[in-house]
Amino acid sequence: MELMINQKYIASQSEWKQTTKDMLLEQLLKKELSYHDIDRLIGKLDFEFIPTFVTVIIQIEERSSIVSNKTLIESLENACHPKRGFIGVIHVNKLCIAFTNTSEA
């Protein structure tokens, strides 16, 4: 029973974290940035988001339904280095990747 509760807690934390990342990506894609909102969301993520940053949108032409958004995001974030960028799905076939501290790359 304790294991089931722990798994449910971890899943809800992961979902909350991804939702917060998605909200942050939405802020970064706006024409006029709200640095207050960006700082507030970054503070919730325990993520150091240092200028300069780059946001990339990737259009996926065909996508297999075999791979879930969660699996795709986790795989790409691990490949990009979890502390230098994060990823969200902004549309069914569009991924958004935000890289931070790109001046050192």
N, C-alpha and C. Protein backbone atom coordinates (compact mmCIF):
# COMPACT_ATOMS: atom_id res chain seq x y z
N MET A 1 0.82 -1.19 0.00
CA MET A 1 0.00 0.00 0.00
C MET A 1 0.87 1.26 0.00
N GLU A 2 1.91 1.24 0.83
CA GLU A 2 2.80 2.41 0.90
C GLU A 2 3.48 2.66 -0.44
N LEU A 3 3.85 1.60 -1.15
CA LEU A 3 4.48 1.72 -2.46
C LEU A 3 3.52 2.38 -3.45
N MET A 4 2.25 2.00 -3.41
CA MET A 4 1.26 2.60 -4.31
C MET A 4 1.08 4.08 -4.02
N ILE A 5 1.06 4.45 -2.77
CA ILE A 5 0.93 5.86 -2.39
C ILE A 5 2.14 6.63 -2.86
N ASN A 6 3.33 6.07 -2.68
CA ASN A 6 4.56 6.72 -3.11
C ASN A 6 4.58 6.90 -4.63
N GLN A 7 4.17 5.89 -5.38
CA GLN A 7 4.13 5.98 -6.83
C GLN A 7 3.15 7.06 -7.29
N LYS A 8 2.00 7.14 -6.65
CA LYS A 8 1.00 8.15 -6.98
C LYS A 8 1.54 9.55 -6.70
N TYR A 9 2.25 9.70 -5.58
CA TYR A 9 2.84 10.98 -5.22
C TYR A 9 3.89 11.41 -6.25
N ILE A 10 4.76 10.49 -6.63
CA ILE A 10 5.80 10.79 -7.62
C ILE A 10 5.17 11.16 -8.96
N ALA A 11 4.14 10.44 -9.36
CA ALA A 11 3.47 10.74 -10.64
C ALA A 11 2.83 12.12 -10.60
N SER A 12 2.20 12.48 -9.49
CA SER A 12 1.56 13.80 -9.42
C SER A 12 2.62 14.91 -9.39
N GLN A 13 3.75 14.69 -8.74
CA GLN A 13 4.83 15.67 -8.73
C GLN A 13 5.40 15.86 -10.14
N SER A 14 5.56 14.77 -10.85
CA SER A 14 6.08 14.83 -12.22
C SER A 14 5.11 15.58 -13.13
N GLU A 15 3.83 15.32 -12.98
CA GLU A 15 2.82 16.01 -13.78
C GLU A 15 2.79 17.50 -13.46
N TRP A 16 2.89 17.85 -12.18
CA TRP A 16 2.92 19.25 -11.77
C TRP A 16 4.14 19.96 -12.34
N LYS A 17 5.29 19.30 -12.29
CA LYS A 17 6.52 19.89 -12.81
C LYS A 17 6.41 20.14 -14.31
N GLN A 18 5.86 19.18 -15.05
CA GLN A 18 5.72 19.35 -16.50
C GLN A 18 4.73 20.46 -16.83
N THR A 19 3.64 20.56 -16.08
CA THR A 19 2.67 21.63 -16.30
C THR A 19 3.32 22.99 -16.06
N THR A 20 4.15 23.10 -15.04
CA THR A 20 4.85 24.34 -14.75
C THR A 20 5.82 24.68 -15.88
N LYS A 21 6.53 23.68 -16.40
CA LYS A 21 7.44 23.89 -17.54
C LYS A 21 6.65 24.38 -18.76
N ASP A 22 5.49 23.76 -19.00
CA ASP A 22 4.67 24.17 -20.14
C ASP A 22 4.21 25.62 -19.99
N MET A 23 3.85 26.02 -18.77
CA MET A 23 3.45 27.41 -18.53
C MET A 23 4.63 28.35 -18.75
N LEU A 24 5.82 27.94 -18.35
CA LEU A 24 7.01 28.75 -18.56
C LEU A 24 7.30 28.90 -20.05
N LEU A 25 7.17 27.82 -20.80
CA LEU A 25 7.38 27.89 -22.24
C LEU A 25 6.38 28.84 -22.90
N GLU A 26 5.13 28.81 -22.45
CA GLU A 26 4.13 29.73 -22.98
C GLU A 26 4.56 31.18 -22.74
N GLN A 27 5.11 31.46 -21.56
CA GLN A 27 5.58 32.81 -21.26
C GLN A 27 6.73 33.20 -22.18
N LEU A 28 7.65 32.27 -22.43
CA LEU A 28 8.81 32.55 -23.27
C LEU A 28 8.44 32.78 -24.73
N LEU A 29 7.31 32.24 -25.15
CA LEU A 29 6.88 32.38 -26.55
C LEU A 29 6.03 33.64 -26.79
N LYS A 30 5.69 34.35 -25.75
CA LYS A 30 4.89 35.57 -25.91
C LYS A 30 5.74 36.67 -26.54
N LYS A 31 5.08 37.56 -27.27
CA LYS A 31 5.78 38.68 -27.91
C LYS A 31 6.42 39.59 -26.87
N GLU A 32 5.70 39.84 -25.78
CA GLU A 32 6.24 40.67 -24.71
C GLU A 32 6.39 39.79 -23.48
N LEU A 33 7.63 39.61 -23.06
CA LEU A 33 7.92 38.73 -21.93
C LEU A 33 7.54 39.39 -20.62
N SER A 34 7.02 38.59 -19.72
CA SER A 34 6.75 39.04 -18.36
C SER A 34 7.81 38.40 -17.46
N TYR A 35 8.87 39.16 -17.18
CA TYR A 35 9.97 38.62 -16.39
C TYR A 35 9.52 38.24 -14.98
N HIS A 36 8.51 38.94 -14.46
CA HIS A 36 7.98 38.60 -13.15
C HIS A 36 7.38 37.19 -13.17
N ASP A 37 6.55 36.91 -14.18
CA ASP A 37 5.93 35.58 -14.29
C ASP A 37 6.99 34.51 -14.57
N ILE A 38 7.97 34.83 -15.39
CA ILE A 38 9.04 33.87 -15.70
C ILE A 38 9.82 33.54 -14.43
N ASP A 39 10.20 34.56 -13.67
CA ASP A 39 10.94 34.32 -12.42
C ASP A 39 10.12 33.51 -11.42
N ARG A 40 8.83 33.79 -11.35
CA ARG A 40 7.95 33.06 -10.43
C ARG A 40 7.90 31.58 -10.78
N LEU A 41 7.76 31.28 -12.06
CA LEU A 41 7.69 29.88 -12.50
C LEU A 41 9.03 29.17 -12.33
N ILE A 42 10.11 29.86 -12.62
CA ILE A 42 11.44 29.27 -12.47
C ILE A 42 11.69 28.92 -11.00
N GLY A 43 11.26 29.80 -10.10
CA GLY A 43 11.42 29.55 -8.67
C GLY A 43 10.73 28.28 -8.22
N LYS A 44 9.62 27.94 -8.84
CA LYS A 44 8.88 26.73 -8.49
C LYS A 44 9.57 25.46 -9.00
N LEU A 45 10.41 25.60 -10.03
CA LEU A 45 11.01 24.43 -10.67
C LEU A 45 12.36 24.03 -10.10
N ASP A 46 12.95 24.84 -9.26
CA ASP A 46 14.30 24.56 -8.77
C ASP A 46 15.23 24.39 -9.98
N PHE A 47 15.17 25.37 -10.85
CA PHE A 47 15.90 25.34 -12.11
C PHE A 47 16.58 26.68 -12.28
N GLU A 48 17.85 26.69 -12.59
CA GLU A 48 18.58 27.94 -12.78
C GLU A 48 18.48 28.34 -14.24
N PHE A 49 17.70 29.37 -14.50
CA PHE A 49 17.46 29.82 -15.86
C PHE A 49 18.22 31.12 -16.07
N ILE A 50 19.38 31.02 -16.70
CA ILE A 50 20.31 32.15 -16.83
C ILE A 50 20.32 32.65 -18.27
N PRO A 51 20.15 33.96 -18.47
CA PRO A 51 20.29 34.48 -19.84
C PRO A 51 21.71 34.23 -20.32
N THR A 52 21.97 34.07 -21.49
CA THR A 52 21.06 34.14 -22.61
C THR A 52 20.35 32.80 -22.78
N PHE A 53 19.14 32.86 -23.33
CA PHE A 53 18.42 31.63 -23.56
C PHE A 53 17.87 31.61 -24.98
N VAL A 54 17.63 30.42 -25.46
CA VAL A 54 17.14 30.20 -26.82
C VAL A 54 15.93 29.28 -26.72
N THR A 55 14.89 29.61 -27.44
CA THR A 55 13.71 28.76 -27.50
C THR A 55 13.56 28.25 -28.93
N VAL A 56 13.40 26.95 -29.07
CA VAL A 56 13.30 26.30 -30.38
C VAL A 56 11.97 25.56 -30.46
N ILE A 57 11.29 25.70 -31.58
CA ILE A 57 10.06 24.96 -31.81
C ILE A 57 10.32 23.94 -32.91
N ILE A 58 9.95 22.70 -32.65
CA ILE A 58 10.17 21.60 -33.60
C ILE A 58 8.81 21.07 -34.05
N GLN A 59 8.58 21.11 -35.35
CA GLN A 59 7.35 20.57 -35.93
C GLN A 59 7.62 19.11 -36.29
N ILE A 60 6.77 18.22 -35.80
CA ILE A 60 6.90 16.80 -36.09
C ILE A 60 5.84 16.44 -37.12
N GLU A 61 6.28 15.99 -38.30
CA GLU A 61 5.33 15.69 -39.37
C GLU A 61 4.45 14.49 -39.03
N GLU A 62 5.05 13.37 -38.76
CA GLU A 62 4.29 12.18 -38.42
C GLU A 62 4.81 11.67 -37.09
N ARG A 63 3.90 11.29 -36.25
CA ARG A 63 4.31 10.86 -34.93
C ARG A 63 3.58 9.59 -34.57
N SER A 64 4.34 8.63 -34.14
CA SER A 64 3.76 7.37 -33.70
C SER A 64 3.10 7.57 -32.35
N SER A 65 1.96 6.99 -32.16
CA SER A 65 1.28 7.11 -30.86
C SER A 65 1.87 6.13 -29.85
N ILE A 66 2.86 5.36 -30.28
CA ILE A 66 3.49 4.39 -29.39
C ILE A 66 4.28 5.09 -28.28
N VAL A 67 4.93 6.20 -28.63
CA VAL A 67 5.76 6.93 -27.67
C VAL A 67 4.91 8.04 -27.05
N SER A 68 4.78 8.03 -25.74
CA SER A 68 3.99 9.05 -25.06
C SER A 68 4.76 10.37 -24.99
N ASN A 69 4.03 11.45 -24.79
CA ASN A 69 4.67 12.76 -24.64
C ASN A 69 5.66 12.73 -23.49
N LYS A 70 5.27 12.10 -22.39
CA LYS A 70 6.13 12.04 -21.20
C LYS A 70 7.45 11.34 -21.53
N THR A 71 7.40 10.21 -22.20
CA THR A 71 8.61 9.46 -22.56
C THR A 71 9.47 10.26 -23.52
N LEU A 72 8.85 10.89 -24.50
CA LEU A 72 9.58 11.70 -25.48
C LEU A 72 10.28 12.87 -24.80
N ILE A 73 9.57 13.57 -23.94
CA ILE A 73 10.15 14.71 -23.22
C ILE A 73 11.30 14.28 -22.32
N GLU A 74 11.11 13.21 -21.56
CA GLU A 74 12.17 12.74 -20.66
C GLU A 74 13.42 12.34 -21.43
N SER A 75 13.24 11.65 -22.54
CA SER A 75 14.39 11.22 -23.35
C SER A 75 15.15 12.41 -23.92
N LEU A 76 14.41 13.38 -24.46
CA LEU A 76 15.06 14.56 -25.03
C LEU A 76 15.73 15.42 -23.96
N GLU A 77 15.08 15.58 -22.81
CA GLU A 77 15.69 16.37 -21.74
C GLU A 77 16.98 15.74 -21.23
N ASN A 78 16.99 14.43 -21.11
CA ASN A 78 18.21 13.74 -20.68
C ASN A 78 19.32 13.89 -21.72
N ALA A 79 18.96 13.88 -22.99
CA ALA A 79 19.95 14.04 -24.06
C ALA A 79 20.48 15.47 -24.11
N CYS A 80 19.63 16.46 -23.78
CA CYS A 80 20.02 17.86 -23.84
C CYS A 80 20.74 18.34 -22.59
N HIS A 81 20.76 17.60 -21.56
CA HIS A 81 21.30 17.92 -20.24
C HIS A 81 20.20 18.60 -19.43
N PRO A 82 19.69 17.94 -18.43
CA PRO A 82 18.53 18.42 -17.68
C PRO A 82 18.69 19.80 -17.05
N LYS A 83 19.89 20.22 -16.75
CA LYS A 83 20.08 21.53 -16.12
C LYS A 83 20.33 22.65 -17.14
N ARG A 84 20.40 22.31 -18.42
CA ARG A 84 20.65 23.34 -19.45
C ARG A 84 19.46 23.57 -20.36
N GLY A 85 18.40 22.83 -20.16
CA GLY A 85 17.23 23.04 -20.99
C GLY A 85 16.06 22.22 -20.52
N PHE A 86 14.89 22.56 -21.03
CA PHE A 86 13.70 21.77 -20.74
C PHE A 86 12.78 21.80 -21.94
N ILE A 87 11.86 20.86 -21.97
CA ILE A 87 11.04 20.62 -23.16
C ILE A 87 9.58 20.52 -22.76
N GLY A 88 8.72 20.98 -23.65
CA GLY A 88 7.29 20.83 -23.46
C GLY A 88 6.61 20.63 -24.81
N VAL A 89 5.43 20.10 -24.76
CA VAL A 89 4.63 19.93 -25.97
C VAL A 89 3.65 21.11 -26.01
N ILE A 90 3.73 21.90 -27.08
CA ILE A 90 2.86 23.07 -27.17
C ILE A 90 1.68 22.84 -28.12
N HIS A 91 1.73 21.76 -28.84
CA HIS A 91 0.65 21.37 -29.74
C HIS A 91 0.85 19.89 -29.99
N VAL A 92 -0.12 19.24 -30.56
CA VAL A 92 -0.04 17.79 -30.78
C VAL A 92 1.25 17.40 -31.50
N ASN A 93 1.64 18.17 -32.51
CA ASN A 93 2.84 17.84 -33.29
C ASN A 93 3.94 18.90 -33.17
N LYS A 94 3.95 19.64 -32.08
CA LYS A 94 4.99 20.65 -31.89
C LYS A 94 5.62 20.53 -30.50
N LEU A 95 6.92 20.44 -30.50
CA LEU A 95 7.68 20.45 -29.27
C LEU A 95 8.35 21.80 -29.13
N CYS A 96 8.51 22.25 -27.92
CA CYS A 96 9.24 23.48 -27.67
C CYS A 96 10.39 23.15 -26.71
N ILE A 97 11.58 23.57 -27.06
CA ILE A 97 12.75 23.34 -26.23
C ILE A 97 13.32 24.71 -25.85
N ALA A 98 13.58 24.90 -24.57
CA ALA A 98 14.21 26.13 -24.10
C ALA A 98 15.58 25.77 -23.54
N PHE A 99 16.61 26.40 -24.10
CA PHE A 99 17.98 26.22 -23.61
C PHE A 99 18.36 27.45 -22.80
N THR A 100 19.06 27.25 -21.71
CA THR A 100 19.48 28.36 -20.87
C THR A 100 21.00 28.46 -20.83
N ASN A 101 21.47 29.65 -20.49
CA ASN A 101 22.90 29.91 -20.35
C ASN A 101 23.66 29.50 -21.62
N THR A 102 23.12 29.90 -22.76
CA THR A 102 23.71 29.49 -24.04
C THR A 102 25.02 30.21 -24.35
N SER A 103 25.36 31.23 -23.59
CA SER A 103 26.62 31.94 -23.85
C SER A 103 27.84 31.06 -23.55
N GLU A 104 27.67 30.03 -22.70
CA GLU A 104 28.77 29.12 -22.37
C GLU A 104 28.85 27.93 -23.30
N ALA A 105 27.84 27.72 -24.12
CA ALA A 105 27.79 26.52 -24.97
C ALA A 105 28.78 26.61 -26.11
